[in-house]
Every structure is written in structure tokens, then in C-alpha cells.
Amino acid sequence: MRLLVFDTTHHALWAEELARERGLAAEVVPSPAAARAKCDLALEFLPSEQDMLFQVLAEAGVTFRLFEN
């Protein structure tokens, strides 16, 4: 699984909603401290769905970044 982190809780929850509407496997989880995100939530998703998820979020205007540990 991979993680996206966000600057706002709104964006994290919105990203999960958009992903689920498109049938993508995604779930809001606590953001790891190492991510140094402004929001305490992250979105966990399948690596195989990364391109589609990034496209959906970008089209909607959701600001995010990939957390790579």
C-alpha cells in the first residue's frame, strides 16, 4: 500500500470520496509523523491504482503529495 498526505482534513476526506466514486480501493488512515503533513490524515491506496487516483484528484483540484518513507 502507498500513502498520500494532505494539507487539510477536507482534502483527505474529499480524496477518499472521489476514489471510492471511481471504484478505487482507498481508505483514510492516520498520517505518519515522518510525513510532516499539515493534516493528521492520509489516504492509503493500491500502487496499481496510482495513475488513475492521481488523475482523478488532479482533475478535481485536490492538493496532495505522495509520502515515500
PDB file of N, CA and C in Angstrom:
ATOM      1  N   MET A   1       0.836  -1.179   0.000  1.00  0.00           N
ATOM      2  CA  MET A   1       0.000   0.000   0.000  1.00  0.00           C
ATOM      3  C   MET A   1       0.884   1.246   0.000  1.00  0.00           C
ATOM      4  N   ARG A   2       0.345   2.329  -0.552  1.00  0.00           N
ATOM      5  CA  ARG A   2       1.049   3.605  -0.594  1.00  0.00           C
ATOM      6  C   ARG A   2       0.197   4.657   0.097  1.00  0.00           C
ATOM      7  N   LEU A   3       0.801   5.792   0.424  1.00  0.00           N
ATOM      8  CA  LEU A   3       0.095   6.845   1.151  1.00  0.00           C
ATOM      9  C   LEU A   3       0.210   8.196   0.458  1.00  0.00           C
ATOM     10  N   LEU A   4      -0.907   8.912   0.468  1.00  0.00           N
ATOM     11  CA  LEU A   4      -0.920  10.315   0.086  1.00  0.00           C
ATOM     12  C   LEU A   4      -1.154  11.116   1.352  1.00  0.00           C
ATOM     13  N   VAL A   5      -0.518  12.272   1.452  1.00  0.00           N
ATOM     14  CA  VAL A   5      -0.754  13.159   2.586  1.00  0.00           C
ATOM     15  C   VAL A   5      -1.282  14.489   2.051  1.00  0.00           C
ATOM     16  N   PHE A   6      -1.915  15.234   2.958  1.00  0.00           N
ATOM     17  CA  PHE A   6      -2.663  16.425   2.570  1.00  0.00           C
ATOM     18  C   PHE A   6      -2.390  17.575   3.535  1.00  0.00           C
ATOM     19  N   ASP A   7      -2.736  18.778   3.092  1.00  0.00           N
ATOM     20  CA  ASP A   7      -2.606  19.956   3.943  1.00  0.00           C
ATOM     21  C   ASP A   7      -3.855  20.175   4.793  1.00  0.00           C
ATOM     22  N   THR A   8      -4.992  19.607   4.369  1.00  0.00           N
ATOM     23  CA  THR A   8      -6.226  19.810   5.119  1.00  0.00           C
ATOM     24  C   THR A   8      -7.000  18.490   5.261  1.00  0.00           C
ATOM     25  N   THR A   9      -7.755  18.406   6.326  1.00  0.00           N
ATOM     26  CA  THR A   9      -8.623  17.248   6.540  1.00  0.00           C
ATOM     27  C   THR A   9      -9.648  17.159   5.423  1.00  0.00           C
ATOM     28  N   HIS A  10     -10.155  18.302   5.005  1.00  0.00           N
ATOM     29  CA  HIS A  10     -11.138  18.340   3.918  1.00  0.00           C
ATOM     30  C   HIS A  10     -10.603  17.638   2.671  1.00  0.00           C
ATOM     31  N   HIS A  11      -9.370  17.928   2.300  1.00  0.00           N
ATOM     32  CA  HIS A  11      -8.799  17.305   1.101  1.00  0.00           C
ATOM     33  C   HIS A  11      -8.623  15.799   1.277  1.00  0.00           C
ATOM     34  N   ALA A  12      -8.245  15.361   2.464  1.00  0.00           N
ATOM     35  CA  ALA A  12      -8.093  13.924   2.710  1.00  0.00           C
ATOM     36  C   ALA A  12      -9.427  13.198   2.554  1.00  0.00           C
ATOM     37  N   LEU A  13     -10.469  13.747   3.145  1.00  0.00           N
ATOM     38  CA  LEU A  13     -11.788  13.106   3.065  1.00  0.00           C
ATOM     39  C   LEU A  13     -12.374  13.210   1.663  1.00  0.00           C
ATOM     40  N   TRP A  14     -12.143  14.317   0.999  1.00  0.00           N
ATOM     41  CA  TRP A  14     -12.610  14.510  -0.373  1.00  0.00           C
ATOM     42  C   TRP A  14     -11.911  13.514  -1.301  1.00  0.00           C
ATOM     43  N   ALA A  15     -10.611  13.316  -1.102  1.00  0.00           N
ATOM     44  CA  ALA A  15      -9.856  12.362  -1.925  1.00  0.00           C
ATOM     45  C   ALA A  15     -10.410  10.950  -1.766  1.00  0.00           C
ATOM     46  N   GLU A  16     -10.722  10.575  -0.539  1.00  0.00           N
ATOM     47  CA  GLU A  16     -11.298   9.248  -0.319  1.00  0.00           C
ATOM     48  C   GLU A  16     -12.642   9.115  -1.031  1.00  0.00           C
ATOM     49  N   GLU A  17     -13.464  10.133  -0.931  1.00  0.00           N
ATOM     50  CA  GLU A  17     -14.775  10.109  -1.589  1.00  0.00           C
ATOM     51  C   GLU A  17     -14.638   9.990  -3.106  1.00  0.00           C
ATOM     52  N   LEU A  18     -13.750  10.770  -3.692  1.00  0.00           N
ATOM     53  CA  LEU A  18     -13.539  10.719  -5.142  1.00  0.00           C
ATOM     54  C   LEU A  18     -13.019   9.348  -5.583  1.00  0.00           C
ATOM     55  N   ALA A  19     -12.084   8.805  -4.819  1.00  0.00           N
ATOM     56  CA  ALA A  19     -11.526   7.496  -5.155  1.00  0.00           C
ATOM     57  C   ALA A  19     -12.607   6.425  -5.124  1.00  0.00           C
ATOM     58  N   ARG A  20     -13.404   6.427  -4.098  1.00  0.00           N
ATOM     59  CA  ARG A  20     -14.456   5.415  -3.966  1.00  0.00           C
ATOM     60  C   ARG A  20     -15.512   5.554  -5.051  1.00  0.00           C
ATOM     61  N   GLU A  21     -15.824   6.798  -5.443  1.00  0.00           N
ATOM     62  CA  GLU A  21     -16.781   7.017  -6.534  1.00  0.00           C
ATOM     63  C   GLU A  21     -16.299   6.392  -7.834  1.00  0.00           C
ATOM     64  N   ARG A  22     -14.988   6.327  -8.009  1.00  0.00           N
ATOM     65  CA  ARG A  22     -14.398   5.738  -9.218  1.00  0.00           C
ATOM     66  C   ARG A  22     -14.099   4.252  -9.058  1.00  0.00           C
ATOM     67  N   GLY A  23     -14.448   3.683  -7.903  1.00  0.00           N
ATOM     68  CA  GLY A  23     -14.223   2.262  -7.677  1.00  0.00           C
ATOM     69  C   GLY A  23     -12.795   1.908  -7.301  1.00  0.00           C
ATOM     70  N   LEU A  24     -12.036   2.893  -6.851  1.00  0.00           N
ATOM     71  CA  LEU A  24     -10.649   2.659  -6.451  1.00  0.00           C
ATOM     72  C   LEU A  24     -10.602   2.284  -4.972  1.00  0.00           C
ATOM     73  N   ALA A  25      -9.688   1.400  -4.645  1.00  0.00           N
ATOM     74  CA  ALA A  25      -9.520   0.976  -3.254  1.00  0.00           C
ATOM     75  C   ALA A  25      -8.711   2.039  -2.526  1.00  0.00           C
ATOM     76  N   ALA A  26      -9.364   2.762  -1.625  1.00  0.00           N
ATOM     77  CA  ALA A  26      -8.681   3.814  -0.877  1.00  0.00           C
ATOM     78  C   ALA A  26      -9.338   3.950   0.486  1.00  0.00           C
ATOM     79  N   GLU A  27      -8.515   4.285   1.495  1.00  0.00           N
ATOM     80  CA  GLU A  27      -9.031   4.419   2.841  1.00  0.00           C
ATOM     81  C   GLU A  27      -8.243   5.484   3.589  1.00  0.00           C
ATOM     82  N   VAL A  28      -8.955   6.332   4.306  1.00  0.00           N
ATOM     83  CA  VAL A  28      -8.308   7.336   5.141  1.00  0.00           C
ATOM     84  C   VAL A  28      -7.727   6.642   6.369  1.00  0.00           C
ATOM     85  N   VAL A  29      -6.469   6.956   6.663  1.00  0.00           N
ATOM     86  CA  VAL A  29      -5.753   6.390   7.810  1.00  0.00           C
ATOM     87  C   VAL A  29      -4.981   7.525   8.487  1.00  0.00           C
ATOM     88  N   PRO A  30      -4.491   7.313   9.700  1.00  0.00           N
ATOM     89  CA  PRO A  30      -3.668   8.347  10.338  1.00  0.00           C
ATOM     90  C   PRO A  30      -2.380   8.610   9.539  1.00  0.00           C
ATOM     91  N   SER A  31      -2.017   9.863   9.446  1.00  0.00           N
ATOM     92  CA  SER A  31      -0.792  10.233   8.748  1.00  0.00           C
ATOM     93  C   SER A  31       0.409   9.924   9.629  1.00  0.00           C
ATOM     94  N   PRO A  32       1.457   9.308   9.084  1.00  0.00           N
ATOM     95  CA  PRO A  32       2.647   9.033   9.889  1.00  0.00           C
ATOM     96  C   PRO A  32       3.351  10.336  10.278  1.00  0.00           C
ATOM     97  N   ALA A  33       3.911  10.371  11.452  1.00  0.00           N
ATOM     98  CA  ALA A  33       4.610  11.568  11.930  1.00  0.00           C
ATOM     99  C   ALA A  33       5.739  11.965  10.982  1.00  0.00           C
ATOM    100  N   ALA A  34       6.382  10.991  10.394  1.00  0.00           N
ATOM    101  CA  ALA A  34       7.501  11.259   9.488  1.00  0.00           C
ATOM    102  C   ALA A  34       7.070  12.019   8.228  1.00  0.00           C
ATOM    103  N   ALA A  35       5.776  12.011   7.915  1.00  0.00           N
ATOM    104  CA  ALA A  35       5.285  12.690   6.720  1.00  0.00           C
ATOM    105  C   ALA A  35       5.311  14.209   6.873  1.00  0.00           C
ATOM    106  N   ARG A  36       5.305  14.671   8.139  1.00  0.00           N
ATOM    107  CA  ARG A  36       5.297  16.103   8.419  1.00  0.00           C
ATOM    108  C   ARG A  36       4.207  16.823   7.634  1.00  0.00           C
ATOM    109  N   ALA A  37       3.054  16.192   7.558  1.00  0.00           N
ATOM    110  CA  ALA A  37       1.913  16.769   6.863  1.00  0.00           C
ATOM    111  C   ALA A  37       1.184  17.744   7.773  1.00  0.00           C
ATOM    112  N   LYS A  38       0.508  18.711   7.185  1.00  0.00           N
ATOM    113  CA  LYS A  38      -0.264  19.669   7.966  1.00  0.00           C
ATOM    114  C   LYS A  38      -1.550  19.039   8.495  1.00  0.00           C
ATOM    115  N   CYS A  39      -1.963  17.952   7.879  1.00  0.00           N
ATOM    116  CA  CYS A  39      -3.181  17.243   8.259  1.00  0.00           C
ATOM    117  C   CYS A  39      -2.792  15.917   8.911  1.00  0.00           C
ATOM    118  N   ASP A  40      -3.564  15.482   9.874  1.00  0.00           N
ATOM    119  CA  ASP A  40      -3.265  14.223  10.563  1.00  0.00           C
ATOM    120  C   ASP A  40      -3.832  12.992   9.857  1.00  0.00           C
ATOM    121  N   LEU A  41      -4.398  13.197   8.668  1.00  0.00           N
ATOM    122  CA  LEU A  41      -4.968  12.081   7.910  1.00  0.00           C
ATOM    123  C   LEU A  41      -4.186  11.859   6.619  1.00  0.00           C
ATOM    124  N   ALA A  42      -4.142  10.612   6.192  1.00  0.00           N
ATOM    125  CA  ALA A  42      -3.509  10.233   4.934  1.00  0.00           C
ATOM    126  C   ALA A  42      -4.475   9.324   4.180  1.00  0.00           C
ATOM    127  N   LEU A  43      -4.215   9.109   2.916  1.00  0.00           N
ATOM    128  CA  LEU A  43      -5.038   8.205   2.115  1.00  0.00           C
ATOM    129  C   LEU A  43      -4.168   7.032   1.675  1.00  0.00           C
ATOM    130  N   GLU A  44      -4.571   5.851   2.093  1.00  0.00           N
ATOM    131  CA  GLU A  44      -3.867   4.625   1.715  1.00  0.00           C
ATOM    132  C   GLU A  44      -4.511   4.088   0.445  1.00  0.00           C
ATOM    133  N   PHE A  45      -3.686   3.665  -0.525  1.00  0.00           N
ATOM    134  CA  PHE A  45      -4.208   3.181  -1.802  1.00  0.00           C
ATOM    135  C   PHE A  45      -3.286   2.121  -2.391  1.00  0.00           C
ATOM    136  N   LEU A  46      -3.791   1.417  -3.379  1.00  0.00           N
ATOM    137  CA  LEU A  46      -3.017   0.371  -4.045  1.00  0.00           C
ATOM    138  C   LEU A  46      -2.061   0.982  -5.065  1.00  0.00           C
ATOM    139  N   PRO A  47      -0.810   0.558  -5.089  1.00  0.00           N
ATOM    140  CA  PRO A  47       0.138   1.093  -6.071  1.00  0.00           C
ATOM    141  C   PRO A  47      -0.346   0.932  -7.514  1.00  0.00           C
ATOM    142  N   SER A  48      -1.045  -0.137  -7.795  1.00  0.00           N
ATOM    143  CA  SER A  48      -1.521  -0.381  -9.160  1.00  0.00           C
ATOM    144  C   SER A  48      -2.567   0.643  -9.605  1.00  0.00           C
ATOM    145  N   GLU A  49      -3.150   1.375  -8.652  1.00  0.00           N
ATOM    146  CA  GLU A  49      -4.176   2.364  -8.985  1.00  0.00           C
ATOM    147  C   GLU A  49      -3.659   3.801  -8.886  1.00  0.00           C
ATOM    148  N   GLN A  50      -2.354   3.950  -8.721  1.00  0.00           N
ATOM    149  CA  GLN A  50      -1.772   5.272  -8.521  1.00  0.00           C
ATOM    150  C   GLN A  50      -2.060   6.233  -9.670  1.00  0.00           C
ATOM    151  N   ASP A  51      -1.822   5.830 -10.901  1.00  0.00           N
ATOM    152  CA  ASP A  51      -2.018   6.734 -12.038  1.00  0.00           C
ATOM    153  C   ASP A  51      -3.458   7.226 -12.109  1.00  0.00           C
ATOM    154  N   MET A  52      -4.413   6.318 -11.963  1.00  0.00           N
ATOM    155  CA  MET A  52      -5.816   6.699 -12.028  1.00  0.00           C
ATOM    156  C   MET A  52      -6.181   7.619 -10.869  1.00  0.00           C
ATOM    157  N   LEU A  53      -5.722   7.294  -9.666  1.00  0.00           N
ATOM    158  CA  LEU A  53      -6.020   8.113  -8.494  1.00  0.00           C
ATOM    159  C   LEU A  53      -5.450   9.514  -8.658  1.00  0.00           C
ATOM    160  N   PHE A  54      -4.210   9.626  -9.086  1.00  0.00           N
ATOM    161  CA  PHE A  54      -3.581  10.934  -9.275  1.00  0.00           C
ATOM    162  C   PHE A  54      -4.367  11.758 -10.298  1.00  0.00           C
ATOM    163  N   GLN A  55      -4.811  11.123 -11.346  1.00  0.00           N
ATOM    164  CA  GLN A  55      -5.578  11.811 -12.386  1.00  0.00           C
ATOM    165  C   GLN A  55      -6.904  12.330 -11.824  1.00  0.00           C
ATOM    166  N   VAL A  56      -7.614  11.485 -11.108  1.00  0.00           N
ATOM    167  CA  VAL A  56      -8.901  11.861 -10.524  1.00  0.00           C
ATOM    168  C   VAL A  56      -8.735  13.037  -9.568  1.00  0.00           C
ATOM    169  N   LEU A  57      -7.739  12.966  -8.696  1.00  0.00           N
ATOM    170  CA  LEU A  57      -7.525  14.023  -7.716  1.00  0.00           C
ATOM    171  C   LEU A  57      -7.078  15.329  -8.374  1.00  0.00           C
ATOM    172  N   ALA A  58      -6.209  15.228  -9.349  1.00  0.00           N
ATOM    173  CA  ALA A  58      -5.737  16.427 -10.050  1.00  0.00           C
ATOM    174  C   ALA A  58      -6.887  17.107 -10.791  1.00  0.00           C
ATOM    175  N   GLU A  59      -7.734  16.335 -11.456  1.00  0.00           N
ATOM    176  CA  GLU A  59      -8.874  16.900 -12.179  1.00  0.00           C
ATOM    177  C   GLU A  59      -9.840  17.616 -11.236  1.00  0.00           C
ATOM    178  N   ALA A  60      -9.975  17.117 -10.011  1.00  0.00           N
ATOM    179  CA  ALA A  60     -10.879  17.714  -9.034  1.00  0.00           C
ATOM    180  C   ALA A  60     -10.242  18.894  -8.296  1.00  0.00           C
ATOM    181  N   GLY A  61      -8.933  19.048  -8.400  1.00  0.00           N
ATOM    182  CA  GLY A  61      -8.243  20.140  -7.728  1.00  0.00           C
ATOM    183  C   GLY A  61      -7.842  19.836  -6.293  1.00  0.00           C
ATOM    184  N   VAL A  62      -7.727  18.543  -5.965  1.00  0.00           N
ATOM    185  CA  VAL A  62      -7.302  18.138  -4.627  1.00  0.00           C
ATOM    186  C   VAL A  62      -5.775  18.229  -4.550  1.00  0.00           C
ATOM    187  N   THR A  63      -5.284  18.966  -3.573  1.00  0.00           N
ATOM    188  CA  THR A  63      -3.845  19.098  -3.374  1.00  0.00           C
ATOM    189  C   THR A  63      -3.362  17.958  -2.480  1.00  0.00           C
ATOM    190  N   PHE A  64      -2.305  17.275  -2.935  1.00  0.00           N
ATOM    191  CA  PHE A  64      -1.782  16.128  -2.201  1.00  0.00           C
ATOM    192  C   PHE A  64      -0.315  15.943  -2.529  1.00  0.00           C
ATOM    193  N   ARG A  65       0.321  15.077  -1.740  1.00  0.00           N
ATOM    194  CA  ARG A  65       1.681  14.637  -2.100  1.00  0.00           C
ATOM    195  C   ARG A  65       1.849  13.189  -1.677  1.00  0.00           C
ATOM    196  N   LEU A  66       2.660  12.519  -2.416  1.00  0.00           N
ATOM    197  CA  LEU A  66       2.942  11.108  -2.130  1.00  0.00           C
ATOM    198  C   LEU A  66       3.939  11.039  -0.989  1.00  0.00           C
ATOM    199  N   PHE A  67       3.615  10.226   0.014  1.00  0.00           N
ATOM    200  CA  PHE A  67       4.553  10.020   1.130  1.00  0.00           C
ATOM    201  C   PHE A  67       5.386   8.801   0.810  1.00  0.00           C
ATOM    202  N   GLU A  68       6.685   9.009   0.745  1.00  0.00           N
ATOM    203  CA  GLU A  68       7.604   7.913   0.487  1.00  0.00           C
ATOM    204  C   GLU A  68       8.596   7.860   1.650  1.00  0.00           C
ATOM    205  N   ASN A  69       8.545   6.752   2.386  1.00  0.00           N
ATOM    206  CA  ASN A  69       9.432   6.640   3.548  1.00  0.00           C
ATOM    207  C   ASN A  69      10.719   5.971   3.193  1.00  0.00           C
TER     208      ASN A  69
END
